[in-house]
Amino acid sequence: MSETPMTRNFQAGDSVLHRPSGETWLLACDQERSYVYPAGWPECRASAADCVLVEAASEAERLATLGAVSHSIGIRASLARQQLADATRKDGSQ
């Protein structure tokens, strides 16, 4: 399998292959620094360098994922709320 370098950070709603585990994960929030945060339990994080994009989320899917995760608790929810607020500000709406 030939891997293409990422030209963007991973985003909420993306499906990624976590190479060390061989699992495909749905990301709960956007990549934060060098980490990704998969959906599911238990809450965890992994190095983004260990992941390969399987399917990119659309912007609508990204925002829907951030919105759903933001109603939870924990670090993923905190990140999702922050990232959703940032996305809203970029759109010019409050």
C-alpha atoms as a PDB file:
ATOM      1  CA  MET A   1       0.000   0.000   0.000  1.00  0.00           C
ATOM      2  CA  SER A   2       1.455   3.337  -1.054  1.00  0.00           C
ATOM      3  CA  GLU A   3       0.884   6.087   1.467  1.00  0.00           C
ATOM      4  CA  THR A   4       0.453   9.706   0.469  1.00  0.00           C
ATOM      5  CA  PRO A   5       1.653  12.300   2.980  1.00  0.00           C
ATOM      6  CA  MET A   6      -1.152  14.235   4.659  1.00  0.00           C
ATOM      7  CA  THR A   7      -1.615  17.770   3.380  1.00  0.00           C
ATOM      8  CA  ARG A   8      -3.975  18.611   6.267  1.00  0.00           C
ATOM      9  CA  ASN A   9      -4.422  17.589   9.868  1.00  0.00           C
ATOM     10  CA  PHE A  10      -6.910  14.876  10.675  1.00  0.00           C
ATOM     11  CA  GLN A  11     -10.411  16.153  11.427  1.00  0.00           C
ATOM     12  CA  ALA A  12     -13.482  15.072  13.360  1.00  0.00           C
ATOM     13  CA  GLY A  13     -15.438  12.489  11.399  1.00  0.00           C
ATOM     14  CA  ASP A  14     -12.404  11.211   9.484  1.00  0.00           C
ATOM     15  CA  SER A  15     -11.865   7.461   9.373  1.00  0.00           C
ATOM     16  CA  VAL A  16      -8.236   6.569  10.025  1.00  0.00           C
ATOM     17  CA  LEU A  17      -6.257   3.352  10.187  1.00  0.00           C
ATOM     18  CA  HIS A  18      -4.302   3.157  13.436  1.00  0.00           C
ATOM     19  CA  ARG A  19      -1.330   1.141  12.217  1.00  0.00           C
ATOM     20  CA  PRO A  20      -0.105  -0.250  15.567  1.00  0.00           C
ATOM     21  CA  SER A  21      -3.499  -1.814  16.390  1.00  0.00           C
ATOM     22  CA  GLY A  22      -4.715  -2.428  12.836  1.00  0.00           C
ATOM     23  CA  GLU A  23      -8.035  -0.827  13.824  1.00  0.00           C
ATOM     24  CA  THR A  24      -9.981   1.703  11.782  1.00  0.00           C
ATOM     25  CA  TRP A  25     -11.143   4.568  13.953  1.00  0.00           C
ATOM     26  CA  LEU A  26     -13.689   7.358  13.579  1.00  0.00           C
ATOM     27  CA  LEU A  27     -12.168  10.527  15.015  1.00  0.00           C
ATOM     28  CA  ALA A  28     -14.182  12.347  17.682  1.00  0.00           C
ATOM     29  CA  CYS A  29     -12.496  15.719  17.217  1.00  0.00           C
ATOM     30  CA  ASP A  30      -9.873  17.451  15.102  1.00  0.00           C
ATOM     31  CA  GLN A  31      -6.225  16.545  15.507  1.00  0.00           C
ATOM     32  CA  GLU A  32      -4.801  18.462  18.456  1.00  0.00           C
ATOM     33  CA  ARG A  33      -1.075  19.087  18.186  1.00  0.00           C
ATOM     34  CA  SER A  34       0.338  15.670  17.281  1.00  0.00           C
ATOM     35  CA  TYR A  35      -2.543  13.585  18.678  1.00  0.00           C
ATOM     36  CA  VAL A  36      -5.823  12.142  17.452  1.00  0.00           C
ATOM     37  CA  TYR A  37      -8.760  11.249  19.673  1.00  0.00           C
ATOM     38  CA  PRO A  38     -10.918   8.354  18.461  1.00  0.00           C
ATOM     39  CA  ALA A  39     -14.587   8.000  19.300  1.00  0.00           C
ATOM     40  CA  GLY A  40     -15.576   5.157  21.597  1.00  0.00           C
ATOM     41  CA  TRP A  41     -14.729   3.973  25.055  1.00  0.00           C
ATOM     42  CA  PRO A  42     -12.434   4.131  26.850  1.00  0.00           C
ATOM     43  CA  GLU A  43     -11.374   7.652  25.983  1.00  0.00           C
ATOM     44  CA  CYS A  44      -7.844   7.629  24.594  1.00  0.00           C
ATOM     45  CA  ARG A  45      -5.468   9.426  22.309  1.00  0.00           C
ATOM     46  CA  ALA A  46      -2.838   8.240  19.857  1.00  0.00           C
ATOM     47  CA  SER A  47      -0.018   9.752  17.883  1.00  0.00           C
ATOM     48  CA  ALA A  48      -1.252  11.151  14.584  1.00  0.00           C
ATOM     49  CA  ALA A  49       1.956   9.831  13.021  1.00  0.00           C
ATOM     50  CA  ASP A  50       0.661   6.291  13.663  1.00  0.00           C
ATOM     51  CA  CYS A  51      -2.476   6.913  11.576  1.00  0.00           C
ATOM     52  CA  VAL A  52      -3.320   6.871   7.882  1.00  0.00           C
ATOM     53  CA  LEU A  53      -6.410   8.530   6.415  1.00  0.00           C
ATOM     54  CA  VAL A  54      -8.938   5.984   5.165  1.00  0.00           C
ATOM     55  CA  GLU A  55     -11.827   8.342   4.394  1.00  0.00           C
ATOM     56  CA  ALA A  56     -11.984  12.102   4.870  1.00  0.00           C
ATOM     57  CA  ALA A  57     -15.082  13.633   6.407  1.00  0.00           C
ATOM     58  CA  SER A  58     -16.881  16.426   4.597  1.00  0.00           C
ATOM     59  CA  GLU A  59     -17.108  19.763   6.395  1.00  0.00           C
ATOM     60  CA  ALA A  60     -20.755  19.009   7.197  1.00  0.00           C
ATOM     61  CA  GLU A  61     -19.789  15.615   8.676  1.00  0.00           C
ATOM     62  CA  ARG A  62     -16.967  17.265  10.645  1.00  0.00           C
ATOM     63  CA  LEU A  63     -19.302  19.841  12.167  1.00  0.00           C
ATOM     64  CA  ALA A  64     -21.964  17.214  12.944  1.00  0.00           C
ATOM     65  CA  THR A  65     -19.367  15.034  14.694  1.00  0.00           C
ATOM     66  CA  LEU A  66     -18.014  17.973  16.705  1.00  0.00           C
ATOM     67  CA  GLY A  67     -21.576  18.923  17.657  1.00  0.00           C
ATOM     68  CA  ALA A  68     -22.446  15.420  18.845  1.00  0.00           C
ATOM     69  CA  VAL A  69     -19.187  14.952  20.780  1.00  0.00           C
ATOM     70  CA  SER A  70     -19.447  18.406  22.375  1.00  0.00           C
ATOM     71  CA  HIS A  71     -22.491  17.229  24.402  1.00  0.00           C
ATOM     72  CA  SER A  72     -20.416  14.606  26.193  1.00  0.00           C
ATOM     73  CA  ILE A  73     -17.774  14.882  28.923  1.00  0.00           C
ATOM     74  CA  GLY A  74     -14.012  14.455  28.977  1.00  0.00           C
ATOM     75  CA  ILE A  75     -11.123  15.808  26.953  1.00  0.00           C
ATOM     76  CA  ARG A  76     -12.706  14.954  23.587  1.00  0.00           C
ATOM     77  CA  ALA A  77     -15.845  16.916  24.477  1.00  0.00           C
ATOM     78  CA  SER A  78     -13.783  19.892  25.659  1.00  0.00           C
ATOM     79  CA  LEU A  79     -11.755  19.860  22.450  1.00  0.00           C
ATOM     80  CA  ALA A  80     -14.896  19.465  20.326  1.00  0.00           C
ATOM     81  CA  ARG A  81     -16.564  22.466  21.998  1.00  0.00           C
ATOM     82  CA  GLN A  82     -13.463  24.594  21.423  1.00  0.00           C
ATOM     83  CA  GLN A  83     -13.070  23.454  17.811  1.00  0.00           C
ATOM     84  CA  LEU A  84     -16.770  23.987  17.085  1.00  0.00           C
ATOM     85  CA  ALA A  85     -16.591  27.510  18.515  1.00  0.00           C
ATOM     86  CA  ASP A  86     -13.498  28.210  16.395  1.00  0.00           C
ATOM     87  CA  ALA A  87     -15.251  26.932  13.264  1.00  0.00           C
ATOM     88  CA  THR A  88     -18.285  29.111  14.012  1.00  0.00           C
ATOM     89  CA  ARG A  89     -16.094  32.196  14.408  1.00  0.00           C
ATOM     90  CA  LYS A  90     -14.341  31.461  11.097  1.00  0.00           C
ATOM     91  CA  ASP A  91     -17.749  31.368   9.384  1.00  0.00           C
ATOM     92  CA  GLY A  92     -18.464  34.842  10.721  1.00  0.00           C
ATOM     93  CA  SER A  93     -21.492  33.743  12.696  1.00  0.00           C
ATOM     94  CA  GLN A  94     -21.703  33.861  16.448  1.00  0.00           C
END
